[in-house]
Protein backbone atom coordinates (compact mmCIF):
# COMPACT_ATOMS: atom_id res chain seq x y z
CA MET A 1 -55.44 -73.50 -68.91
CA THR A 2 -57.21 -70.27 -68.71
CA LYS A 3 -56.05 -67.26 -66.80
CA ARG A 4 -58.75 -67.75 -64.18
CA GLN A 5 -57.72 -71.33 -63.59
CA SER A 6 -54.07 -70.25 -63.16
CA ILE A 7 -55.01 -67.74 -60.45
CA ILE A 8 -57.05 -70.34 -58.56
CA VAL A 9 -54.18 -72.84 -58.68
CA GLY A 10 -51.68 -70.20 -57.39
CA VAL A 11 -53.90 -69.23 -54.48
CA GLY A 12 -54.34 -72.87 -53.58
CA VAL A 13 -50.62 -73.52 -53.58
CA LEU A 14 -50.03 -70.47 -51.34
CA VAL A 15 -52.64 -71.61 -48.83
CA ILE A 16 -51.09 -75.08 -48.71
CA MET A 17 -47.62 -73.59 -48.05
CA VAL A 18 -48.92 -71.44 -45.21
CA LEU A 19 -50.67 -74.41 -43.61
CA MET A 20 -47.57 -76.57 -43.89
CA GLY A 21 -45.41 -73.81 -42.35
CA GLY A 22 -47.72 -73.55 -39.36
CA PHE A 23 -47.68 -77.34 -38.95
CA PHE A 24 -43.91 -77.57 -38.92
CA ALA A 25 -43.64 -74.56 -36.56
CA SER A 26 -45.97 -76.21 -34.09
CA MET A 27 -43.72 -79.25 -34.05
CA LYS A 28 -40.67 -77.11 -32.94
CA LYS A 29 -39.95 -77.31 -29.21
CA GLU A 30 -39.53 -74.01 -27.29
CA PRO A 31 -36.17 -73.56 -25.43
CA PRO A 32 -36.42 -73.84 -21.65
CA LYS A 33 -36.81 -70.54 -19.75
CA ILE A 34 -33.98 -69.58 -17.34
CA ASN A 35 -35.01 -67.52 -14.28
CA PHE A 36 -32.23 -65.26 -12.98
CA LYS A 37 -32.51 -64.52 -9.25
CA ILE A 38 -31.03 -61.12 -8.28
CA PRO A 39 -29.38 -61.31 -4.87
CA PRO A 40 -30.38 -58.64 -2.30
CA LYS A 41 -28.19 -55.54 -1.92
CA VAL A 42 -25.56 -55.83 0.81
CA VAL A 43 -25.47 -52.86 3.20
CA ASN A 44 -23.21 -51.69 6.04
CA THR A 45 -25.07 -51.23 9.30
CA ILE A 46 -24.41 -50.13 12.85
CA PRO A 47 -26.58 -50.37 15.97
CA VAL A 48 -28.10 -47.16 17.30
CA GLN A 49 -26.26 -46.27 20.50
CA TYR A 50 -26.51 -42.87 22.18
CA THR A 51 -23.66 -41.15 24.06
CA ASP A 52 -22.51 -37.60 24.77
CA VAL A 53 -21.14 -36.12 21.52
CA GLU A 54 -18.89 -33.07 21.60
CA ALA A 55 -19.76 -30.40 19.03
CA GLU A 56 -16.35 -29.67 17.48
CA ILE A 57 -16.04 -26.99 14.80
CA VAL A 58 -13.32 -27.46 12.17
CA THR A 59 -12.46 -24.50 9.97
CA PHE A 60 -9.52 -22.94 8.10
CA GLY A 61 -8.02 -19.46 7.99
CA ARG A 62 -4.86 -17.37 7.60
CA VAL A 63 -2.51 -16.15 10.30
CA GLU A 64 -2.42 -12.41 10.87
CA SER A 65 -0.44 -10.18 13.20
CA SER A 66 -2.45 -8.95 16.16
CA GLN A 67 -0.76 -5.53 15.84
CA PRO A 68 -0.10 -4.51 12.25
CA ILE A 69 0.84 -0.82 12.01
CA ASP A 70 1.13 1.33 8.91
CA LEU A 71 3.94 3.86 9.14
CA ILE A 72 2.67 7.01 7.42
CA ALA A 73 4.72 10.16 6.99
CA GLU A 74 3.38 13.17 8.91
CA VAL A 75 6.01 15.53 7.56
CA SER A 76 7.74 16.03 4.25
CA GLY A 77 11.38 15.40 3.50
CA ARG A 78 13.95 12.86 2.37
CA ILE A 79 14.10 9.49 4.15
CA LEU A 80 17.35 8.83 6.00
CA PRO A 81 18.45 5.41 7.32
CA GLY A 82 17.92 4.50 10.96
CA ARG A 83 19.49 1.76 13.07
CA VAL A 84 17.97 -1.08 11.02
CA ALA A 85 17.72 -1.76 7.30
CA LEU A 86 14.48 -0.45 5.84
CA LYS A 87 13.80 -3.72 3.97
CA GLU A 88 10.96 -6.26 4.00
CA GLY A 89 11.60 -9.01 6.50
CA THR A 90 14.05 -7.04 8.63
CA ASP A 91 13.59 -7.70 12.36
CA PHE A 92 13.91 -5.01 15.01
CA THR A 93 13.56 -4.60 18.76
CA ARG A 94 11.42 -2.17 20.69
CA GLY A 95 12.83 1.38 20.86
CA ARG A 96 15.07 0.93 17.82
CA LEU A 97 15.27 3.86 15.37
CA LEU A 98 13.60 2.57 12.20
CA TYR A 99 14.27 5.58 9.94
CA ARG A 100 14.47 9.38 9.94
CA ILE A 101 13.12 12.14 7.75
CA GLU A 102 15.60 14.96 7.22
CA ASP A 103 15.00 17.77 9.71
CA PRO A 104 17.87 20.36 9.73
CA GLU A 105 15.55 23.31 9.10
CA VAL A 106 13.15 22.17 11.80
CA GLN A 107 15.97 21.80 14.34
CA LEU A 108 17.36 25.24 13.55
CA ASP A 109 13.93 26.83 13.83
CA LEU A 110 13.39 25.13 17.19
CA LYS A 111 16.74 26.35 18.53
CA SER A 112 15.88 29.85 17.38
CA GLN A 113 12.60 29.74 19.33
CA LYS A 114 14.40 28.50 22.45
CA SER A 115 16.93 31.32 22.18
CA ASN A 116 14.12 33.88 21.98
CA PHE A 117 12.43 32.23 24.96
CA LEU A 118 15.64 32.51 27.00
CA ARG A 119 15.87 36.17 26.07
CA ASP A 120 12.29 36.80 27.23
CA LEU A 121 12.93 35.00 30.52
CA ALA A 122 16.12 36.94 31.11
CA SER A 123 14.28 40.23 30.57
CA ILE A 124 11.64 39.49 33.25
CA LEU A 125 13.88 38.00 35.94
CA PRO A 126 14.75 41.45 37.47
CA ASP A 127 11.04 42.32 37.76
CA LEU A 128 10.28 38.91 39.25
CA LYS A 129 13.01 39.46 41.85
CA ILE A 130 11.40 42.74 42.94
CA ASP A 131 7.65 42.14 42.55
CA PHE A 132 7.51 38.37 43.20
CA ALA A 133 10.41 37.65 45.48
CA ASP A 134 8.95 34.30 46.64
CA SER A 135 8.78 32.97 43.06
CA TYR A 136 12.09 34.39 41.86
CA PRO A 137 14.31 31.44 42.98
CA GLN A 138 12.31 28.83 41.06
CA TRP A 139 12.17 30.95 37.89
CA ASN A 140 15.88 31.68 38.09
CA GLN A 141 16.59 27.96 38.51
CA TYR A 142 14.32 27.22 35.55
CA PHE A 143 16.22 29.73 33.40
CA GLU A 144 19.53 28.08 34.26
CA SER A 145 18.19 24.55 33.52
CA ILE A 146 17.27 25.29 29.90
CA ASP A 147 19.56 23.65 27.33
CA ILE A 148 18.97 24.60 23.70
CA ASP A 149 19.94 21.10 22.54
CA LYS A 150 17.53 19.36 24.93
CA THR A 151 13.78 19.23 25.48
CA LEU A 152 12.36 22.31 27.15
CA PRO A 153 11.57 21.63 30.84
CA GLU A 154 8.07 22.13 32.20
CA LEU A 155 7.22 25.63 33.39
CA PRO A 156 7.28 26.33 37.13
CA GLN A 157 3.87 26.73 38.80
CA TYR A 158 2.84 30.35 39.42
CA LYS A 159 1.72 31.21 42.97
CA THR A 160 -0.65 34.17 42.57
CA ASP A 161 -3.01 35.60 39.96
CA GLN A 162 -0.83 38.70 39.73
CA GLU A 163 2.16 36.53 38.83
CA LYS A 164 0.05 34.70 36.26
CA THR A 165 -0.98 38.01 34.67
CA PHE A 166 2.61 39.20 34.62
CA LEU A 167 3.82 36.04 32.84
CA ALA A 168 0.96 36.13 30.31
CA THR A 169 1.51 39.75 29.34
CA ASN A 170 5.18 38.98 28.67
CA ASN A 171 4.24 36.09 26.29
CA ILE A 172 5.93 33.47 28.47
CA PHE A 173 3.05 30.98 28.14
CA SER A 174 2.51 31.44 24.39
CA ASN A 175 6.23 31.12 23.62
CA TYR A 176 6.51 28.03 25.83
CA PHE A 177 3.67 26.19 24.05
CA SER A 178 4.99 27.23 20.62
CA ILE A 179 8.27 25.55 21.48
CA LYS A 180 6.46 22.45 22.74
CA ARG A 181 4.54 22.23 19.47
CA ALA A 182 7.80 22.54 17.52
CA GLU A 183 9.33 19.76 19.63
CA THR A 184 6.34 17.51 18.88
CA ASN A 185 6.74 18.24 15.18
CA LEU A 186 10.46 17.39 15.40
CA ARG A 187 9.67 13.98 16.92
CA LYS A 188 7.66 13.18 13.81
CA HIS A 189 10.95 13.14 11.88
CA GLN A 190 12.29 10.19 13.90
CA ILE A 191 10.36 6.92 13.97
CA TYR A 192 11.14 4.38 16.71
CA ALA A 193 9.88 0.81 16.98
CA PRO A 194 6.88 0.52 19.35
CA PHE A 195 7.49 -3.22 19.86
CA ASN A 196 9.59 -6.18 18.77
CA GLY A 197 8.64 -6.90 15.19
CA SER A 198 9.59 -6.86 11.54
CA PHE A 199 8.82 -5.05 8.28
CA SER A 200 6.10 -6.84 6.32
CA GLN A 201 5.93 -4.22 3.55
CA VAL A 202 8.22 -1.37 2.51
CA MET A 203 7.03 1.24 0.01
CA PHE A 204 9.90 3.76 0.25
CA GLU A 205 13.59 3.22 0.94
CA PRO A 206 16.27 5.65 2.21
CA GLY A 207 16.87 8.45 -0.26
CA ALA A 208 13.26 8.73 -1.39
CA TYR A 209 11.32 11.96 -0.83
CA VAL A 210 7.95 11.67 0.90
CA ASN A 211 5.06 14.02 1.58
CA PRO A 212 2.62 14.01 4.49
CA GLY A 213 0.24 11.08 4.10
CA SER A 214 2.68 8.84 2.22
CA MET A 215 2.72 5.25 3.51
CA ILE A 216 6.36 4.34 4.06
CA ALA A 217 6.11 0.80 5.48
CA ARG A 218 4.01 -1.67 7.42
CA ILE A 219 5.31 -3.40 10.53
CA ILE A 220 3.96 -6.38 12.44
CA ARG A 221 4.55 -7.53 15.98
CA THR A 222 6.40 -10.83 16.19
CA GLY A 223 5.26 -13.33 18.79
CA SER A 224 1.72 -11.94 18.78
CA LEU A 225 -0.16 -13.66 15.97
CA GLU A 226 -3.79 -14.63 15.59
CA LEU A 227 -5.86 -16.74 13.25
CA LYS A 228 -9.05 -15.40 11.67
CA VAL A 229 -11.41 -18.20 10.60
CA PRO A 230 -14.94 -18.20 9.15
CA VAL A 231 -17.65 -20.02 11.09
CA GLU A 232 -21.10 -20.68 9.64
CA ALA A 233 -23.88 -18.67 11.24
CA ALA A 234 -25.64 -21.89 12.25
CA ASP A 235 -22.56 -22.95 14.27
CA ILE A 236 -21.69 -19.64 15.89
CA GLY A 237 -23.83 -20.47 18.92
CA TRP A 238 -21.36 -23.22 19.84
CA VAL A 239 -18.39 -20.80 19.96
CA LYS A 240 -17.64 -18.85 23.14
CA VAL A 241 -15.05 -16.13 23.79
CA GLY A 242 -12.22 -17.57 25.88
CA ALA A 243 -12.74 -21.14 24.66
CA GLU A 244 -9.57 -23.12 24.07
CA ALA A 245 -8.82 -24.16 20.50
CA THR A 246 -6.25 -26.23 18.64
CA VAL A 247 -4.46 -24.76 15.62
CA SER A 248 -2.43 -26.96 13.27
CA THR A 249 -1.08 -27.31 9.77
CA GLU A 250 -3.23 -29.25 7.31
CA ASP A 251 -1.01 -32.33 7.63
CA GLY A 252 -1.13 -32.09 11.43
CA LEU A 253 2.67 -32.22 11.82
CA GLN A 254 2.79 -28.87 13.65
CA SER A 255 0.23 -27.64 16.14
CA TRP A 256 -0.31 -24.77 18.57
CA GLU A 257 -2.67 -24.05 21.41
CA GLY A 258 -5.04 -21.13 20.97
CA LYS A 259 -7.88 -19.24 22.58
CA VAL A 260 -10.95 -17.62 21.04
CA GLN A 261 -10.26 -13.89 21.32
CA ARG A 262 -13.09 -12.21 19.42
CA ILE A 263 -16.33 -13.06 17.62
CA ALA A 264 -17.56 -10.64 14.97
CA ASP A 265 -21.04 -9.15 15.26
CA VAL A 266 -21.68 -9.07 11.51
CA VAL A 267 -21.70 -11.58 8.68
CA ASN A 268 -18.74 -11.49 6.30
CA GLN A 269 -20.26 -10.57 2.92
CA THR A 270 -17.58 -12.47 1.02
CA THR A 271 -17.87 -15.82 2.83
CA GLN A 272 -21.41 -15.40 4.24
CA SER A 273 -20.07 -16.53 7.59
CA ILE A 274 -19.02 -14.96 10.88
CA ASP A 275 -15.33 -14.28 11.52
CA VAL A 276 -13.84 -15.73 14.70
CA THR A 277 -10.37 -14.61 15.83
CA ILE A 278 -8.15 -17.10 17.69
CA GLN A 279 -5.09 -15.92 19.61
CA ILE A 280 -2.18 -18.32 18.98
CA ILE A 281 0.09 -19.24 21.88
CA PRO A 282 3.73 -19.48 20.64
CA ASN A 283 5.69 -22.71 21.10
CA GLN A 284 8.77 -24.36 19.60
CA HIS A 285 7.26 -24.35 16.08
CA GLN A 286 7.91 -21.25 13.98
CA MET A 287 4.82 -19.24 13.07
CA TYR A 288 4.58 -16.92 10.04
CA ASP A 289 2.17 -14.20 9.07
CA GLY A 290 -0.06 -15.35 6.18
CA LEU A 291 0.24 -19.09 6.98
CA TYR A 292 -2.88 -21.14 6.12
CA LEU A 293 -3.87 -23.25 9.14
CA LYS A 294 -6.66 -25.47 10.44
CA ALA A 295 -8.50 -24.67 13.66
CA LYS A 296 -10.54 -26.99 15.87
CA ILE A 297 -12.87 -25.19 18.25
CA PRO A 298 -14.65 -27.33 20.84
CA GLY A 299 -18.30 -26.43 21.27
CA GLY A 300 -20.89 -27.70 23.71
CA VAL A 301 -21.76 -31.32 24.44
CA ILE A 302 -24.83 -32.87 22.80
CA SER A 303 -26.21 -35.42 25.27
CA GLN A 304 -27.84 -38.67 24.19
CA ALA A 305 -26.91 -38.40 20.52
CA MET A 306 -25.10 -40.39 17.83
CA GLU A 307 -22.72 -39.43 15.02
CA ILE A 308 -22.90 -41.10 11.60
CA ASP A 309 -21.53 -40.52 8.12
CA ARG A 310 -23.16 -37.54 6.40
CA SER A 311 -23.73 -39.50 3.20
CA ALA A 312 -26.10 -41.85 5.09
CA VAL A 313 -28.60 -39.02 5.68
CA TYR A 314 -31.09 -38.03 2.97
CA ASN A 315 -33.18 -34.88 2.62
CA GLY A 316 -31.58 -33.51 5.76
CA SER A 317 -33.48 -35.73 8.21
CA GLN A 318 -34.06 -39.23 6.72
CA VAL A 319 -32.07 -42.44 7.16
CA TYR A 320 -32.54 -46.11 6.33
CA THR A 321 -32.93 -48.81 8.96
CA VAL A 322 -33.12 -52.57 8.51
CA GLU A 323 -35.99 -54.50 10.09
CA ASN A 324 -36.12 -58.27 10.50
CA ASP A 325 -32.54 -58.41 9.16
CA SER A 326 -33.72 -57.85 5.60
CA VAL A 327 -36.35 -55.13 5.08
CA LEU A 328 -35.23 -51.57 4.40
CA LYS A 329 -37.26 -48.83 6.09
CA VAL A 330 -37.14 -45.02 5.74
CA ARG A 331 -37.03 -43.27 9.14
CA GLU A 332 -37.07 -39.67 10.31
CA ILE A 333 -34.36 -38.44 12.71
CA ASN A 334 -33.82 -35.32 14.82
CA THR A 335 -30.75 -33.61 13.36
CA LYS A 336 -28.77 -31.92 16.13
CA ARG A 337 -25.71 -30.83 14.19
CA ILE A 338 -24.29 -31.15 10.65
CA ASN A 339 -20.50 -31.33 10.38
CA SER A 340 -18.39 -31.37 7.23
CA GLN A 341 -18.41 -35.20 7.06
CA THR A 342 -20.78 -36.37 9.81
CA VAL A 343 -24.23 -35.73 11.25
CA VAL A 344 -25.16 -35.79 14.94
CA PHE A 345 -28.74 -36.95 15.60
CA ASN A 346 -31.21 -38.73 17.83
CA GLY A 347 -34.86 -39.76 17.47
CA LEU A 348 -34.43 -43.50 16.85
CA GLU A 349 -34.71 -46.23 19.43
CA GLU A 350 -31.45 -47.58 20.79
CA GLY A 351 -30.62 -50.96 19.29
CA GLU A 352 -32.24 -50.27 15.92
CA VAL A 353 -30.21 -51.34 12.89
CA LEU A 354 -29.03 -48.22 11.04
CA VAL A 355 -27.57 -48.14 7.52
CA ASN A 356 -24.32 -46.17 7.69
CA GLU A 357 -23.56 -45.66 3.99
CA GLN A 358 -25.02 -44.02 0.93
CA LEU A 359 -27.52 -46.19 -0.94
CA ILE A 360 -28.26 -45.71 -4.64
CA ASN A 361 -31.74 -46.47 -6.02
CA ALA A 362 -32.92 -47.69 -2.63
CA HIS A 363 -36.56 -47.51 -1.54
CA ASN A 364 -38.83 -48.32 1.34
CA ASN A 365 -39.47 -52.07 1.97
CA MET A 366 -36.56 -53.02 -0.26
CA ILE A 367 -35.01 -56.42 0.57
CA VAL A 368 -31.35 -56.13 1.60
CA SER A 369 -28.65 -58.20 3.21
CA ILE A 370 -26.52 -57.06 6.15
CA LYS A 371 -22.80 -57.11 5.46
CA GLN A 372 -21.19 -59.78 7.58
CA ASP A 373 -18.25 -57.66 8.75
CA SER A 374 -20.39 -54.61 9.64
CA ALA A 375 -20.34 -53.06 13.08
CA LEU A 376 -23.70 -54.64 13.84
CA THR A 377 -22.46 -58.15 13.12
CA SER A 378 -19.38 -57.56 15.24
CA THR A 379 -21.55 -56.37 18.09
CA LYS A 380 -23.74 -59.48 17.87
CA GLU A 381 -20.73 -61.80 17.81
CA LYS A 382 -19.34 -60.11 20.92
CA ALA A 383 -22.69 -60.62 22.65
CA VAL A 384 -22.69 -64.44 22.14
CA PRO A 385 -21.87 -66.09 25.51
CA SER A 386 -18.95 -68.44 25.72
CA ASN A 387 -19.47 -72.17 26.36
CA ASN A 388 -16.44 -72.29 28.68
């Protein structure tokens, strides 16, 4: 067999094999097709019902004293102990001596000035008795009332211009006011409590030397605490000065009544909100400066509105409703207020079926199924009349 004949025979055999393969393949039966039917998505729904909704603002902040005072030295000297321990957390009552700054030189200088003042008064009393006989008794009584160890009494009132000139030329007025200034300076060495409170910070203790301008301690008034909370600028219109508020711990186990005391006029640059200060009314629960608390501030009442879960609202003003018990529709609402977890709105017809949950991959005209135990179903079951 020639080479050409071999090629022809090979091609023929290949063609026959291909034809036979197609024949046998056509005889093979195709497997039956199985159609999987995807059930519709089940959604939670509620009927649209409008009522009066109270605009409550919930926010958090830290407790602060309404009267924190920094005790700053106005004179120099060594700190001496007072009637209470100069330690953080020490309580004190109003009028109690908190601490002293040594003052022996100041006291001696003051007594020296009073002695000189007595000498000057004694030297003019004879002239007063002769030239101003009507005023002599009161000036003589004033001279006798002066005690070097006590505060200088107030000067008697002069009766005539001549008497005034006489007193001025004898340096009575200038010496009197010099002593008063020295007495004021002496009082700066003794610091008394202006109210009932406690030390929140102590920078210097007894024995330390301080200069004018040194901050010695910080005191706070006990029983007068307030809570500063941030409120978003969009919500500040709901807050009014004097409004009652509720202050509580995060777990709600302890609570206090409060009242809105102040509303800031500027935006806090750190929080980009407006600070609202709430005065806390004391009760049986102990309150501490720096405590982190929750505040609920009631705002105005939104009439004819409804409150739903915030996750059920899309793009700020869109929700899903269900028509004909199965068709999902995208609807626009009028957003009245956005809370941390809910949204207050209106704009839908009462009785419409509203989806009250977040839907993933949902779209308009999507076929859904209403959950049997949803609020809408419960409402319908309650509406069925009894056969009894």
